[in-house]
């Protein structure tokens, strides 16, 4: 799973313009460092449970927002505005 995440990030970086690729690479490095810090901190008992619940909440939020965001990114509103009612 981690290798797939790295592959997706590498492919995304390869398709970005040079100026954006550097910014995206910095963001990915910072996100990776944050993930390592959270994984190391997750060794404790109750703290681990709290982080797990935060992760569950973020997953629930992503599952709720991704479909509507995809429709908006695909231009659904512009398509609906262009229809003759």
N, C-alpha and C. Protein backbone atom coordinates (compact mmCIF):
# COMPACT_ATOMS: atom_id res chain seq x y z
N UNK A 1 0.82 -1.18 0.00
CA UNK A 1 0.00 0.00 0.00
C UNK A 1 0.87 1.26 0.00
N UNK A 2 1.95 1.23 0.77
CA UNK A 2 2.84 2.39 0.80
C UNK A 2 3.52 2.59 -0.54
N UNK A 3 3.88 1.49 -1.18
CA UNK A 3 4.54 1.61 -2.49
C UNK A 3 3.57 2.20 -3.51
N UNK A 4 2.30 1.83 -3.44
CA UNK A 4 1.31 2.38 -4.36
C UNK A 4 1.16 3.89 -4.13
N UNK A 5 1.17 4.32 -2.87
CA UNK A 5 1.08 5.75 -2.57
C UNK A 5 2.28 6.51 -3.11
N UNK A 6 3.46 5.93 -2.98
CA UNK A 6 4.67 6.55 -3.51
C UNK A 6 4.61 6.62 -5.03
N UNK A 7 4.12 5.55 -5.66
CA UNK A 7 4.02 5.53 -7.12
C UNK A 7 3.04 6.58 -7.62
N UNK A 8 1.91 6.72 -6.95
CA UNK A 8 0.91 7.73 -7.35
C UNK A 8 1.50 9.13 -7.22
N UNK A 9 2.22 9.38 -6.12
CA UNK A 9 2.84 10.70 -5.93
C UNK A 9 3.91 10.96 -6.99
N UNK A 10 4.70 9.95 -7.32
CA UNK A 10 5.75 10.12 -8.32
C UNK A 10 5.15 10.39 -9.70
N UNK A 11 4.08 9.70 -10.05
CA UNK A 11 3.44 9.92 -11.35
C UNK A 11 2.82 11.32 -11.40
N UNK A 12 2.19 11.73 -10.30
CA UNK A 12 1.60 13.07 -10.26
C UNK A 12 2.67 14.14 -10.39
N UNK A 13 3.81 13.95 -9.73
CA UNK A 13 4.90 14.93 -9.83
C UNK A 13 5.48 14.97 -11.23
N UNK A 14 5.53 13.82 -11.90
CA UNK A 14 6.11 13.78 -13.24
C UNK A 14 5.26 14.54 -14.25
N UNK A 15 3.95 14.66 -14.00
CA UNK A 15 3.07 15.32 -14.95
C UNK A 15 2.83 16.80 -14.64
N UNK A 16 3.44 17.32 -13.58
CA UNK A 16 3.27 18.73 -13.23
C UNK A 16 4.32 19.58 -13.93
N UNK A 17 4.02 20.84 -14.18
CA UNK A 17 5.06 21.75 -14.69
C UNK A 17 6.18 21.88 -13.66
N UNK A 18 7.34 22.32 -14.11
CA UNK A 18 8.53 22.34 -13.25
C UNK A 18 8.34 23.20 -12.00
N UNK A 19 7.72 24.36 -12.13
CA UNK A 19 7.55 25.24 -10.98
C UNK A 19 6.61 24.62 -9.95
N UNK A 20 5.56 23.99 -10.40
CA UNK A 20 4.62 23.37 -9.48
C UNK A 20 5.18 22.09 -8.89
N UNK A 21 6.03 21.40 -9.64
CA UNK A 21 6.57 20.13 -9.15
C UNK A 21 7.43 20.34 -7.91
N UNK A 22 8.20 21.42 -7.88
CA UNK A 22 9.02 21.69 -6.71
C UNK A 22 8.16 21.98 -5.49
N UNK A 23 7.12 22.78 -5.66
CA UNK A 23 6.21 23.06 -4.55
C UNK A 23 5.51 21.80 -4.07
N UNK A 24 5.05 20.98 -5.02
CA UNK A 24 4.37 19.74 -4.65
C UNK A 24 5.33 18.79 -3.96
N UNK A 25 6.58 18.74 -4.40
CA UNK A 25 7.57 17.87 -3.76
C UNK A 25 7.81 18.31 -2.31
N UNK A 26 7.87 19.61 -2.08
CA UNK A 26 8.06 20.11 -0.72
C UNK A 26 6.86 19.73 0.15
N UNK A 27 5.66 19.89 -0.38
CA UNK A 27 4.46 19.53 0.37
C UNK A 27 4.46 18.03 0.69
N UNK A 28 4.84 17.20 -0.27
CA UNK A 28 4.87 15.76 -0.02
C UNK A 28 5.92 15.37 1.01
N UNK A 29 7.07 16.04 1.00
CA UNK A 29 8.10 15.75 2.00
C UNK A 29 7.62 16.14 3.39
N UNK A 30 6.99 17.31 3.51
CA UNK A 30 6.46 17.74 4.80
C UNK A 30 5.37 16.79 5.28
N UNK A 31 4.48 16.37 4.37
CA UNK A 31 3.42 15.43 4.75
C UNK A 31 4.03 14.09 5.18
N UNK A 32 5.08 13.64 4.50
CA UNK A 32 5.74 12.40 4.88
C UNK A 32 6.37 12.49 6.25
N UNK A 33 7.02 13.62 6.55
CA UNK A 33 7.62 13.81 7.87
C UNK A 33 6.55 13.83 8.95
N UNK A 34 5.42 14.46 8.67
CA UNK A 34 4.32 14.49 9.62
C UNK A 34 3.77 13.09 9.87
N UNK A 35 3.65 12.30 8.81
CA UNK A 35 3.16 10.93 8.96
C UNK A 35 4.12 10.08 9.80
N UNK A 36 5.41 10.26 9.59
CA UNK A 36 6.39 9.52 10.39
C UNK A 36 6.28 9.91 11.85
N UNK A 37 6.14 11.21 12.13
CA UNK A 37 6.00 11.66 13.52
C UNK A 37 4.76 11.08 14.17
N UNK A 38 3.65 11.03 13.43
CA UNK A 38 2.41 10.47 13.98
C UNK A 38 2.56 8.97 14.21
N UNK A 39 3.22 8.26 13.29
CA UNK A 39 3.40 6.81 13.47
C UNK A 39 4.26 6.52 14.69
N UNK A 40 5.28 7.34 14.92
CA UNK A 40 6.12 7.13 16.10
C UNK A 40 5.38 7.45 17.38
N UNK A 41 4.53 8.47 17.35
CA UNK A 41 3.77 8.85 18.54
C UNK A 41 2.64 7.88 18.83
N UNK A 42 2.30 7.04 17.89
CA UNK A 42 1.15 6.16 18.01
C UNK A 42 1.45 4.93 18.86
N UNK A 43 2.62 4.82 19.39
CA UNK A 43 2.97 3.64 20.19
C UNK A 43 2.23 3.61 21.52
N UNK A 44 1.83 4.77 22.03
CA UNK A 44 1.15 4.82 23.33
C UNK A 44 -0.28 4.36 23.24
N UNK A 45 -0.87 3.97 24.38
CA UNK A 45 -2.20 3.38 24.41
C UNK A 45 -3.33 4.32 24.10
N UNK A 46 -3.70 5.20 25.05
CA UNK A 46 -4.85 6.09 24.87
C UNK A 46 -4.59 7.09 23.75
N UNK A 47 -3.38 7.57 23.66
CA UNK A 47 -3.04 8.51 22.60
C UNK A 47 -3.22 7.87 21.23
N UNK A 48 -2.89 6.58 21.15
CA UNK A 48 -3.08 5.84 19.91
C UNK A 48 -4.56 5.76 19.56
N UNK A 49 -5.39 5.55 20.55
CA UNK A 49 -6.84 5.47 20.32
C UNK A 49 -7.38 6.81 19.83
N UNK A 50 -6.90 7.89 20.41
CA UNK A 50 -7.36 9.23 19.99
C UNK A 50 -6.96 9.48 18.54
N UNK A 51 -5.71 9.15 18.19
CA UNK A 51 -5.27 9.34 16.80
C UNK A 51 -6.08 8.46 15.85
N UNK A 52 -6.43 7.26 16.29
CA UNK A 52 -7.24 6.38 15.45
C UNK A 52 -8.62 6.98 15.20
N UNK A 53 -9.22 7.57 16.24
CA UNK A 53 -10.54 8.17 16.08
C UNK A 53 -10.46 9.42 15.18
N UNK A 54 -9.38 10.17 15.29
CA UNK A 54 -9.20 11.33 14.40
C UNK A 54 -9.08 10.85 12.96
N UNK A 55 -8.33 9.77 12.75
CA UNK A 55 -8.20 9.20 11.41
C UNK A 55 -9.53 8.72 10.87
N UNK A 56 -10.35 8.10 11.74
CA UNK A 56 -11.68 7.66 11.31
C UNK A 56 -12.55 8.85 10.90
N UNK A 57 -12.46 9.92 11.67
CA UNK A 57 -13.24 11.12 11.33
C UNK A 57 -12.81 11.73 10.02
N UNK A 58 -11.50 11.79 9.79
CA UNK A 58 -11.00 12.32 8.52
C UNK A 58 -11.41 11.43 7.34
N UNK A 59 -11.40 10.12 7.57
CA UNK A 59 -11.82 9.20 6.51
C UNK A 59 -13.31 9.41 6.19
N UNK A 60 -14.13 9.54 7.22
CA UNK A 60 -15.56 9.79 7.03
C UNK A 60 -15.79 11.10 6.29
N UNK A 61 -15.03 12.14 6.66
CA UNK A 61 -15.15 13.43 6.01
C UNK A 61 -14.76 13.34 4.54
N UNK A 62 -13.68 12.61 4.25
CA UNK A 62 -13.23 12.46 2.87
C UNK A 62 -14.27 11.69 2.05
N UNK A 63 -14.84 10.65 2.63
CA UNK A 63 -15.86 9.88 1.90
C UNK A 63 -17.10 10.71 1.62
N UNK A 64 -17.38 11.68 2.47
CA UNK A 64 -18.52 12.54 2.22
C UNK A 64 -18.25 13.65 1.22
N UNK A 65 -17.02 14.14 1.19
CA UNK A 65 -16.71 15.29 0.34
C UNK A 65 -16.20 14.93 -1.05
N UNK A 66 -15.59 13.79 -1.20
CA UNK A 66 -14.96 13.45 -2.49
C UNK A 66 -15.98 13.32 -3.62
N UNK A 67 -17.11 12.64 -3.46
CA UNK A 67 -18.04 12.56 -4.60
C UNK A 67 -18.56 13.92 -5.06
N UNK A 68 -18.94 14.77 -4.11
CA UNK A 68 -19.44 16.09 -4.52
C UNK A 68 -18.32 16.93 -5.12
N UNK A 69 -17.11 16.82 -4.59
CA UNK A 69 -15.98 17.57 -5.16
C UNK A 69 -15.67 17.09 -6.57
N UNK A 70 -15.79 15.80 -6.80
CA UNK A 70 -15.53 15.26 -8.15
C UNK A 70 -16.55 15.79 -9.14
N UNK A 71 -17.81 15.85 -8.73
CA UNK A 71 -18.85 16.38 -9.62
C UNK A 71 -18.62 17.86 -9.92
N UNK A 72 -18.22 18.61 -8.90
CA UNK A 72 -17.94 20.03 -9.13
C UNK A 72 -16.72 20.21 -10.03
N UNK A 73 -15.70 19.40 -9.83
CA UNK A 73 -14.50 19.50 -10.66
C UNK A 73 -14.77 19.10 -12.10
N UNK A 74 -15.73 18.22 -12.30
CA UNK A 74 -16.07 17.79 -13.65
C UNK A 74 -16.92 18.82 -14.39
N UNK A 75 -17.36 19.86 -13.69
CA UNK A 75 -18.11 20.92 -14.35
C UNK A 75 -19.61 20.71 -14.34
N UNK A 76 -20.12 20.05 -13.31
CA UNK A 76 -21.55 19.76 -13.25
C UNK A 76 -22.37 21.05 -13.17
N UNK A 77 -21.92 22.03 -12.38
CA UNK A 77 -22.70 23.27 -12.26
C UNK A 77 -22.79 24.01 -13.58
N UNK A 78 -21.67 24.08 -14.30
CA UNK A 78 -21.70 24.76 -15.60
C UNK A 78 -22.61 24.03 -16.58
N UNK A 79 -22.60 22.71 -16.51
CA UNK A 79 -23.45 21.92 -17.39
C UNK A 79 -24.92 22.16 -17.07
N UNK A 80 -25.24 22.20 -15.77
CA UNK A 80 -26.63 22.45 -15.38
C UNK A 80 -27.08 23.86 -15.73
N UNK A 81 -26.18 24.83 -15.60
CA UNK A 81 -26.53 26.20 -15.96
C UNK A 81 -26.76 26.35 -17.47
N UNK A 82 -26.10 25.54 -18.25
CA UNK A 82 -26.24 25.63 -19.70
C UNK A 82 -27.47 24.92 -20.24
N UNK A 83 -28.16 24.14 -19.39
CA UNK A 83 -29.35 23.43 -19.87
C UNK A 83 -30.53 24.39 -20.00
N UNK A 84 -31.36 24.12 -20.97
CA UNK A 84 -32.57 24.91 -21.17
C UNK A 84 -33.70 24.29 -20.36
N UNK A 85 -34.16 24.97 -19.33
CA UNK A 85 -35.21 24.43 -18.46
C UNK A 85 -36.54 24.91 -18.90
